[in-house]
């Protein structure tokens, strides 16, 4: 599996979170996304399906506060949003 794209919302929110939370957050997020690509069922990701506005999105936990949403496409995944639980659900 591979990342085939990101939405503008994901890029904007990820950039904002990296500025607020620092380089460690960026590194952690990249590691979690890499783990998703390698082993989506890894327990630390807490992968689960959600329904948002008619789309079937999936969510992983970056840390205890931050979630990353994505959708499965034919050739890989598209990163849709990132933020706190209340921001992304």
PDB file of N, CA and C in Angstrom:
ATOM      1  N   UNK A   1       0.851  -1.172   0.000  1.00  0.00           N
ATOM      2  CA  UNK A   1       0.000   0.000   0.000  1.00  0.00           C
ATOM      3  C   UNK A   1       0.898   1.238   0.000  1.00  0.00           C
ATOM      4  N   UNK A   2       0.373   2.336  -0.563  1.00  0.00           N
ATOM      5  CA  UNK A   2       1.151   3.569  -0.621  1.00  0.00           C
ATOM      6  C   UNK A   2       0.212   4.764  -0.486  1.00  0.00           C
ATOM      7  N   UNK A   3       0.792   5.902  -0.208  1.00  0.00           N
ATOM      8  CA  UNK A   3       0.030   7.148  -0.151  1.00  0.00           C
ATOM      9  C   UNK A   3      -0.076   7.671  -1.582  1.00  0.00           C
ATOM     10  N   UNK A   4      -1.308   7.868  -2.031  1.00  0.00           N
ATOM     11  CA  UNK A   4      -1.480   8.378  -3.393  1.00  0.00           C
ATOM     12  C   UNK A   4      -1.882   9.844  -3.401  1.00  0.00           C
ATOM     13  N   UNK A   5      -2.093  10.429  -2.218  1.00  0.00           N
ATOM     14  CA  UNK A   5      -2.417  11.844  -2.172  1.00  0.00           C
ATOM     15  C   UNK A   5      -2.792  12.320  -0.789  1.00  0.00           C
ATOM     16  N   UNK A   6      -2.892  13.615  -0.670  1.00  0.00           N
ATOM     17  CA  UNK A   6      -3.373  14.248   0.552  1.00  0.00           C
ATOM     18  C   UNK A   6      -4.324  15.370   0.153  1.00  0.00           C
ATOM     19  N   UNK A   7      -5.251  15.666   1.025  1.00  0.00           N
ATOM     20  CA  UNK A   7      -6.144  16.791   0.758  1.00  0.00           C
ATOM     21  C   UNK A   7      -5.475  18.072   1.241  1.00  0.00           C
ATOM     22  N   UNK A   8      -5.976  19.195   0.754  1.00  0.00           N
ATOM     23  CA  UNK A   8      -5.467  20.490   1.206  1.00  0.00           C
ATOM     24  C   UNK A   8      -5.702  20.652   2.705  1.00  0.00           C
ATOM     25  N   UNK A   9      -6.820  20.122   3.202  1.00  0.00           N
ATOM     26  CA  UNK A   9      -7.124  20.212   4.629  1.00  0.00           C
ATOM     27  C   UNK A   9      -6.084  19.469   5.461  1.00  0.00           C
ATOM     28  N   UNK A  10      -5.707  18.263   5.014  1.00  0.00           N
ATOM     29  CA  UNK A  10      -4.682  17.510   5.738  1.00  0.00           C
ATOM     30  C   UNK A  10      -3.374  18.291   5.760  1.00  0.00           C
ATOM     31  N   UNK A  11      -2.945  18.785   4.608  1.00  0.00           N
ATOM     32  CA  UNK A  11      -1.673  19.512   4.513  1.00  0.00           C
ATOM     33  C   UNK A  11      -1.662  20.741   5.421  1.00  0.00           C
ATOM     34  N   UNK A  12      -2.749  21.490   5.401  1.00  0.00           N
ATOM     35  CA  UNK A  12      -2.843  22.700   6.225  1.00  0.00           C
ATOM     36  C   UNK A  12      -2.807  22.357   7.707  1.00  0.00           C
ATOM     37  N   UNK A  13      -3.614  21.388   8.124  1.00  0.00           N
ATOM     38  CA  UNK A  13      -3.670  21.029   9.538  1.00  0.00           C
ATOM     39  C   UNK A  13      -2.378  20.368  10.020  1.00  0.00           C
ATOM     40  N   UNK A  14      -1.755  19.569   9.164  1.00  0.00           N
ATOM     41  CA  UNK A  14      -0.493  18.932   9.537  1.00  0.00           C
ATOM     42  C   UNK A  14       0.593  19.987   9.731  1.00  0.00           C
ATOM     43  N   UNK A  15       0.669  20.941   8.819  1.00  0.00           N
ATOM     44  CA  UNK A  15       1.641  22.024   8.932  1.00  0.00           C
ATOM     45  C   UNK A  15       1.424  22.823  10.223  1.00  0.00           C
ATOM     46  N   UNK A  16       0.185  23.126  10.511  1.00  0.00           N
ATOM     47  CA  UNK A  16      -0.160  23.879  11.719  1.00  0.00           C
ATOM     48  C   UNK A  16       0.240  23.101  12.979  1.00  0.00           C
ATOM     49  N   UNK A  17      -0.064  21.806  13.005  1.00  0.00           N
ATOM     50  CA  UNK A  17       0.285  20.987  14.167  1.00  0.00           C
ATOM     51  C   UNK A  17       1.799  20.858  14.335  1.00  0.00           C
ATOM     52  N   UNK A  18       2.521  20.752  13.227  1.00  0.00           N
ATOM     53  CA  UNK A  18       3.987  20.650  13.302  1.00  0.00           C
ATOM     54  C   UNK A  18       4.591  21.919  13.885  1.00  0.00           C
ATOM     55  N   UNK A  19       4.044  23.081  13.535  1.00  0.00           N
ATOM     56  CA  UNK A  19       4.539  24.340  14.088  1.00  0.00           C
ATOM     57  C   UNK A  19       4.270  24.426  15.582  1.00  0.00           C
ATOM     58  N   UNK A  20       3.105  23.966  15.990  1.00  0.00           N
ATOM     59  CA  UNK A  20       2.723  24.030  17.404  1.00  0.00           C
ATOM     60  C   UNK A  20       3.462  22.988  18.241  1.00  0.00           C
ATOM     61  N   UNK A  21       3.538  21.751  17.728  1.00  0.00           N
ATOM     62  CA  UNK A  21       4.039  20.633  18.523  1.00  0.00           C
ATOM     63  C   UNK A  21       5.493  20.271  18.247  1.00  0.00           C
ATOM     64  N   UNK A  22       6.082  20.799  17.198  1.00  0.00           N
ATOM     65  CA  UNK A  22       7.507  20.613  16.958  1.00  0.00           C
ATOM     66  C   UNK A  22       7.882  19.423  16.096  1.00  0.00           C
ATOM     67  N   UNK A  23       9.201  19.252  15.952  1.00  0.00           N
ATOM     68  CA  UNK A  23       9.756  18.229  15.071  1.00  0.00           C
ATOM     69  C   UNK A  23       9.439  16.815  15.533  1.00  0.00           C
ATOM     70  N   UNK A  24       9.355  16.622  16.832  1.00  0.00           N
ATOM     71  CA  UNK A  24       9.047  15.286  17.351  1.00  0.00           C
ATOM     72  C   UNK A  24       7.669  14.830  16.864  1.00  0.00           C
ATOM     73  N   UNK A  25       6.728  15.758  16.808  1.00  0.00           N
ATOM     74  CA  UNK A  25       5.383  15.419  16.335  1.00  0.00           C
ATOM     75  C   UNK A  25       5.418  15.015  14.866  1.00  0.00           C
ATOM     76  N   UNK A  26       6.147  15.773  14.069  1.00  0.00           N
ATOM     77  CA  UNK A  26       6.257  15.452  12.642  1.00  0.00           C
ATOM     78  C   UNK A  26       6.844  14.065  12.447  1.00  0.00           C
ATOM     79  N   UNK A  27       7.896  13.765  13.180  1.00  0.00           N
ATOM     80  CA  UNK A  27       8.541  12.463  13.088  1.00  0.00           C
ATOM     81  C   UNK A  27       7.596  11.341  13.525  1.00  0.00           C
ATOM     82  N   UNK A  28       6.894  11.559  14.625  1.00  0.00           N
ATOM     83  CA  UNK A  28       5.952  10.558  15.122  1.00  0.00           C
ATOM     84  C   UNK A  28       4.846  10.301  14.108  1.00  0.00           C
ATOM     85  N   UNK A  29       4.307  11.349  13.526  1.00  0.00           N
ATOM     86  CA  UNK A  29       3.235  11.205  12.543  1.00  0.00           C
ATOM     87  C   UNK A  29       3.726  10.432  11.323  1.00  0.00           C
ATOM     88  N   UNK A  30       4.899  10.763  10.852  1.00  0.00           N
ATOM     89  CA  UNK A  30       5.461  10.057   9.697  1.00  0.00           C
ATOM     90  C   UNK A  30       5.667   8.580  10.010  1.00  0.00           C
ATOM     91  N   UNK A  31       6.121   8.261  11.214  1.00  0.00           N
ATOM     92  CA  UNK A  31       6.319   6.868  11.610  1.00  0.00           C
ATOM     93  C   UNK A  31       4.993   6.121  11.684  1.00  0.00           C
ATOM     94  N   UNK A  32       3.953   6.770  12.206  1.00  0.00           N
ATOM     95  CA  UNK A  32       2.639   6.122  12.301  1.00  0.00           C
ATOM     96  C   UNK A  32       2.055   5.869  10.913  1.00  0.00           C
ATOM     97  N   UNK A  33       2.223   6.808  10.004  1.00  0.00           N
ATOM     98  CA  UNK A  33       1.714   6.617   8.648  1.00  0.00           C
ATOM     99  C   UNK A  33       2.493   5.515   7.941  1.00  0.00           C
ATOM    100  N   UNK A  34       3.806   5.475   8.162  1.00  0.00           N
ATOM    101  CA  UNK A  34       4.621   4.405   7.590  1.00  0.00           C
ATOM    102  C   UNK A  34       4.182   3.045   8.139  1.00  0.00           C
ATOM    103  N   UNK A  35       3.897   2.990   9.446  1.00  0.00           N
ATOM    104  CA  UNK A  35       3.423   1.753  10.059  1.00  0.00           C
ATOM    105  C   UNK A  35       2.077   1.347   9.460  1.00  0.00           C
ATOM    106  N   UNK A  36       1.211   2.324   9.210  1.00  0.00           N
ATOM    107  CA  UNK A  36      -0.075   2.049   8.572  1.00  0.00           C
ATOM    108  C   UNK A  36       0.126   1.387   7.214  1.00  0.00           C
ATOM    109  N   UNK A  37       1.080   1.873   6.456  1.00  0.00           N
ATOM    110  CA  UNK A  37       1.339   1.326   5.133  1.00  0.00           C
ATOM    111  C   UNK A  37       1.895  -0.095   5.193  1.00  0.00           C
ATOM    112  N   UNK A  38       2.668  -0.379   6.232  1.00  0.00           N
ATOM    113  CA  UNK A  38       3.294  -1.685   6.384  1.00  0.00           C
ATOM    114  C   UNK A  38       2.363  -2.684   7.068  1.00  0.00           C
ATOM    115  N   UNK A  39       1.743  -2.257   8.163  1.00  0.00           N
ATOM    116  CA  UNK A  39       0.917  -3.147   8.980  1.00  0.00           C
ATOM    117  C   UNK A  39      -0.291  -2.394   9.532  1.00  0.00           C
ATOM    118  N   UNK A  40      -1.355  -2.260   8.738  1.00  0.00           N
ATOM    119  CA  UNK A  40      -2.507  -1.472   9.176  1.00  0.00           C
ATOM    120  C   UNK A  40      -3.186  -2.002  10.439  1.00  0.00           C
ATOM    121  N   UNK A  41      -2.966  -3.243  10.761  1.00  0.00           N
ATOM    122  CA  UNK A  41      -3.619  -3.825  11.932  1.00  0.00           C
ATOM    123  C   UNK A  41      -2.787  -3.740  13.208  1.00  0.00           C
ATOM    124  N   UNK A  42      -1.697  -2.986  13.175  1.00  0.00           N
ATOM    125  CA  UNK A  42      -0.864  -2.849  14.367  1.00  0.00           C
ATOM    126  C   UNK A  42      -1.685  -2.198  15.483  1.00  0.00           C
ATOM    127  N   UNK A  43      -1.580  -2.755  16.678  1.00  0.00           N
ATOM    128  CA  UNK A  43      -2.404  -2.294  17.811  1.00  0.00           C
ATOM    129  C   UNK A  43      -2.213  -0.821  18.141  1.00  0.00           C
ATOM    130  N   UNK A  44      -1.025  -0.295  17.986  1.00  0.00           N
ATOM    131  CA  UNK A  44      -0.771   1.095  18.379  1.00  0.00           C
ATOM    132  C   UNK A  44      -1.516   2.098  17.503  1.00  0.00           C
ATOM    133  N   UNK A  45      -1.950   1.678  16.320  1.00  0.00           N
ATOM    134  CA  UNK A  45      -2.658   2.588  15.418  1.00  0.00           C
ATOM    135  C   UNK A  45      -4.124   2.771  15.814  1.00  0.00           C
ATOM    136  N   UNK A  46      -4.678   1.783  16.470  1.00  0.00           N
ATOM    137  CA  UNK A  46      -6.104   1.785  16.845  1.00  0.00           C
ATOM    138  C   UNK A  46      -6.981   2.137  15.635  1.00  0.00           C
ATOM    139  N   UNK A  47      -6.727   1.445  14.547  1.00  0.00           N
ATOM    140  CA  UNK A  47      -7.442   1.645  13.292  1.00  0.00           C
ATOM    141  C   UNK A  47      -8.924   1.332  13.450  1.00  0.00           C
ATOM    142  N   UNK A  48      -9.765   2.238  12.968  1.00  0.00           N
ATOM    143  CA  UNK A  48     -11.197   1.968  12.952  1.00  0.00           C
ATOM    144  C   UNK A  48     -11.890   2.773  11.856  1.00  0.00           C
ATOM    145  N   UNK A  49     -13.013   2.231  11.387  1.00  0.00           N
ATOM    146  CA  UNK A  49     -13.790   2.854  10.325  1.00  0.00           C
ATOM    147  C   UNK A  49     -14.749   3.875  10.921  1.00  0.00           C
ATOM    148  N   UNK A  50     -14.906   4.984  10.217  1.00  0.00           N
ATOM    149  CA  UNK A  50     -15.886   5.991  10.628  1.00  0.00           C
ATOM    150  C   UNK A  50     -16.672   6.431   9.397  1.00  0.00           C
ATOM    151  N   UNK A  51     -17.851   6.946   9.618  1.00  0.00           N
ATOM    152  CA  UNK A  51     -18.662   7.485   8.532  1.00  0.00           C
ATOM    153  C   UNK A  51     -18.738   8.987   8.691  1.00  0.00           C
ATOM    154  N   UNK A  52     -18.192   9.702   7.721  1.00  0.00           N
ATOM    155  CA  UNK A  52     -18.225  11.158   7.751  1.00  0.00           C
ATOM    156  C   UNK A  52     -18.835  11.669   6.467  1.00  0.00           C
ATOM    157  N   UNK A  53     -19.965  12.306   6.586  1.00  0.00           N
ATOM    158  CA  UNK A  53     -20.631  12.936   5.435  1.00  0.00           C
ATOM    159  C   UNK A  53     -20.775  11.972   4.260  1.00  0.00           C
ATOM    160  N   UNK A  54     -21.172  10.754   4.553  1.00  0.00           N
ATOM    161  CA  UNK A  54     -21.424   9.779   3.507  1.00  0.00           C
ATOM    162  C   UNK A  54     -20.206   9.009   3.034  1.00  0.00           C
ATOM    163  N   UNK A  55     -19.021   9.475   3.348  1.00  0.00           N
ATOM    164  CA  UNK A  55     -17.800   8.769   2.946  1.00  0.00           C
ATOM    165  C   UNK A  55     -17.412   7.761   4.016  1.00  0.00           C
ATOM    166  N   UNK A  56     -16.796   6.685   3.594  1.00  0.00           N
ATOM    167  CA  UNK A  56     -16.248   5.743   4.560  1.00  0.00           C
ATOM    168  C   UNK A  56     -14.783   6.066   4.758  1.00  0.00           C
ATOM    169  N   UNK A  57     -14.506   6.734   5.851  1.00  0.00           N
ATOM    170  CA  UNK A  57     -13.142   7.092   6.202  1.00  0.00           C
ATOM    171  C   UNK A  57     -12.641   6.130   7.266  1.00  0.00           C
ATOM    172  N   UNK A  58     -11.358   6.132   7.430  1.00  0.00           N
ATOM    173  CA  UNK A  58     -10.709   5.336   8.468  1.00  0.00           C
ATOM    174  C   UNK A  58      -9.881   6.289   9.315  1.00  0.00           C
ATOM    175  N   UNK A  59      -9.659   5.905  10.558  1.00  0.00           N
ATOM    176  CA  UNK A  59      -8.918   6.744  11.486  1.00  0.00           C
ATOM    177  C   UNK A  59      -7.828   5.926  12.169  1.00  0.00           C
ATOM    178  N   UNK A  60      -6.680   6.578  12.376  1.00  0.00           N
ATOM    179  CA  UNK A  60      -5.620   6.010  13.211  1.00  0.00           C
ATOM    180  C   UNK A  60      -5.253   7.035  14.272  1.00  0.00           C
ATOM    181  N   UNK A  61      -4.701   6.545  15.352  1.00  0.00           N
ATOM    182  CA  UNK A  61      -4.221   7.424  16.411  1.00  0.00           C
ATOM    183  C   UNK A  61      -2.751   7.713  16.192  1.00  0.00           C
ATOM    184  N   UNK A  62      -2.416   8.995  16.114  1.00  0.00           N
ATOM    185  CA  UNK A  62      -1.018   9.398  16.043  1.00  0.00           C
ATOM    186  C   UNK A  62      -0.448   9.379  17.463  1.00  0.00           C
ATOM    187  N   UNK A  63      -1.192   9.957  18.397  1.00  0.00           N
ATOM    188  CA  UNK A  63      -0.886   9.876  19.817  1.00  0.00           C
ATOM    189  C   UNK A  63      -2.220   9.877  20.565  1.00  0.00           C
ATOM    190  N   UNK A  64      -2.218  10.109  21.839  1.00  0.00           N
ATOM    191  CA  UNK A  64      -3.460  10.026  22.605  1.00  0.00           C
ATOM    192  C   UNK A  64      -4.445  11.148  22.254  1.00  0.00           C
ATOM    193  N   UNK A  65      -3.982  12.236  21.654  1.00  0.00           N
ATOM    194  CA  UNK A  65      -4.865  13.345  21.325  1.00  0.00           C
ATOM    195  C   UNK A  65      -5.145  13.506  19.835  1.00  0.00           C
ATOM    196  N   UNK A  66      -4.204  13.125  19.001  1.00  0.00           N
ATOM    197  CA  UNK A  66      -4.288  13.428  17.571  1.00  0.00           C
ATOM    198  C   UNK A  66      -4.688  12.195  16.758  1.00  0.00           C
ATOM    199  N   UNK A  67      -5.626  12.406  15.831  1.00  0.00           N
ATOM    200  CA  UNK A  67      -6.101  11.370  14.927  1.00  0.00           C
ATOM    201  C   UNK A  67      -5.808  11.791  13.486  1.00  0.00           C
ATOM    202  N   UNK A  68      -5.526  10.804  12.658  1.00  0.00           N
ATOM    203  CA  UNK A  68      -5.353  11.047  11.222  1.00  0.00           C
ATOM    204  C   UNK A  68      -6.423  10.260  10.477  1.00  0.00           C
ATOM    205  N   UNK A  69      -7.148  10.937   9.603  1.00  0.00           N
ATOM    206  CA  UNK A  69      -8.195  10.302   8.813  1.00  0.00           C
ATOM    207  C   UNK A  69      -7.704  10.081   7.393  1.00  0.00           C
ATOM    208  N   UNK A  70      -8.114   8.961   6.815  1.00  0.00           N
ATOM    209  CA  UNK A  70      -7.747   8.644   5.443  1.00  0.00           C
ATOM    210  C   UNK A  70      -8.850   7.816   4.811  1.00  0.00           C
ATOM    211  N   UNK A  71      -8.800   7.713   3.494  1.00  0.00           N
ATOM    212  CA  UNK A  71      -9.710   6.842   2.769  1.00  0.00           C
ATOM    213  C   UNK A  71      -8.888   5.893   1.902  1.00  0.00           C
ATOM    214  N   UNK A  72      -9.440   4.706   1.720  1.00  0.00           N
ATOM    215  CA  UNK A  72      -8.816   3.739   0.825  1.00  0.00           C
ATOM    216  C   UNK A  72      -9.261   4.024  -0.599  1.00  0.00           C
ATOM    217  N   UNK A  73      -8.328   4.011  -1.500  1.00  0.00           N
ATOM    218  CA  UNK A  73      -8.592   4.113  -2.930  1.00  0.00           C
ATOM    219  C   UNK A  73      -8.038   2.852  -3.588  1.00  0.00           C
ATOM    220  N   UNK A  74      -8.271   2.719  -4.855  1.00  0.00           N
ATOM    221  CA  UNK A  74      -7.841   1.526  -5.584  1.00  0.00           C
ATOM    222  C   UNK A  74      -6.336   1.276  -5.454  1.00  0.00           C
ATOM    223  N   UNK A  75      -5.533   2.334  -5.580  1.00  0.00           N
ATOM    224  CA  UNK A  75      -4.080   2.178  -5.616  1.00  0.00           C
ATOM    225  C   UNK A  75      -3.373   2.467  -4.292  1.00  0.00           C
ATOM    226  N   UNK A  76      -4.111   2.862  -3.257  1.00  0.00           N
ATOM    227  CA  UNK A  76      -3.477   3.190  -1.980  1.00  0.00           C
ATOM    228  C   UNK A  76      -4.423   3.971  -1.089  1.00  0.00           C
ATOM    229  N   UNK A  77      -3.862   4.904  -0.327  1.00  0.00           N
ATOM    230  CA  UNK A  77      -4.676   5.703   0.585  1.00  0.00           C
ATOM    231  C   UNK A  77      -4.511   7.190   0.289  1.00  0.00           C
ATOM    232  N   UNK A  78      -5.534   7.954   0.665  1.00  0.00           N
ATOM    233  CA  UNK A  78      -5.497   9.410   0.578  1.00  0.00           C
ATOM    234  C   UNK A  78      -5.668   9.941   1.991  1.00  0.00           C
ATOM    235  N   UNK A  79      -4.713  10.731   2.451  1.00  0.00           N
ATOM    236  CA  UNK A  79      -4.795  11.343   3.778  1.00  0.00           C
ATOM    237  C   UNK A  79      -5.759  12.515   3.701  1.00  0.00           C
ATOM    238  N   UNK A  80      -6.782  12.499   4.552  1.00  0.00           N
ATOM    239  CA  UNK A  80      -7.883  13.448   4.451  1.00  0.00           C
ATOM    240  C   UNK A  80      -7.795  14.570   5.475  1.00  0.00           C
ATOM    241  N   UNK A  81      -7.494  14.232   6.729  1.00  0.00           N
ATOM    242  CA  UNK A  81      -7.493  15.245   7.782  1.00  0.00           C
ATOM    243  C   UNK A  81      -6.647  14.753   8.945  1.00  0.00           C
ATOM    244  N   UNK A  82      -6.215  15.675   9.776  1.00  0.00           N
ATOM    245  CA  UNK A  82      -5.466  15.351  10.980  1.00  0.00           C
ATOM    246  C   UNK A  82      -5.793  16.410  12.024  1.00  0.00           C
ATOM    247  N   UNK A  83      -5.938  15.976  13.262  1.00  0.00           N
ATOM    248  CA  UNK A  83      -6.245  16.902  14.345  1.00  0.00           C
ATOM    249  C   UNK A  83      -6.757  16.151  15.562  1.00  0.00           C
ATOM    250  N   UNK A  84      -7.290  16.903  16.507  1.00  0.00           N
ATOM    251  CA  UNK A  84      -7.854  16.267  17.699  1.00  0.00           C
ATOM    252  C   UNK A  84      -9.139  15.546  17.326  1.00  0.00           C
ATOM    253  N   UNK A  85      -9.607  14.713  18.222  1.00  0.00           N
ATOM    254  CA  UNK A  85     -10.842  13.971  18.005  1.00  0.00           C
ATOM    255  C   UNK A  85     -11.986  14.902  17.614  1.00  0.00           C
ATOM    256  N   UNK A  86     -12.163  15.958  18.358  1.00  0.00           N
ATOM    257  CA  UNK A  86     -13.269  16.887  18.085  1.00  0.00           C
ATOM    258  C   UNK A  86     -13.096  17.623  16.762  1.00  0.00           C
ATOM    259  N   UNK A  87     -11.871  17.851  16.319  1.00  0.00           N
ATOM    260  CA  UNK A  87     -11.627  18.567  15.076  1.00  0.00           C
ATOM    261  C   UNK A  87     -11.891  17.720  13.838  1.00  0.00           C
ATOM    262  N   UNK A  88     -11.622  16.429  13.927  1.00  0.00           N
ATOM    263  CA  UNK A  88     -11.715  15.599  12.727  1.00  0.00           C
ATOM    264  C   UNK A  88     -12.988  14.775  12.622  1.00  0.00           C
ATOM    265  N   UNK A  89     -13.707  14.576  13.721  1.00  0.00           N
ATOM    266  CA  UNK A  89     -14.941  13.773  13.656  1.00  0.00           C
ATOM    267  C   UNK A  89     -16.149  14.637  13.506  1.00  0.00           C
TER     268      UNK A  89
END
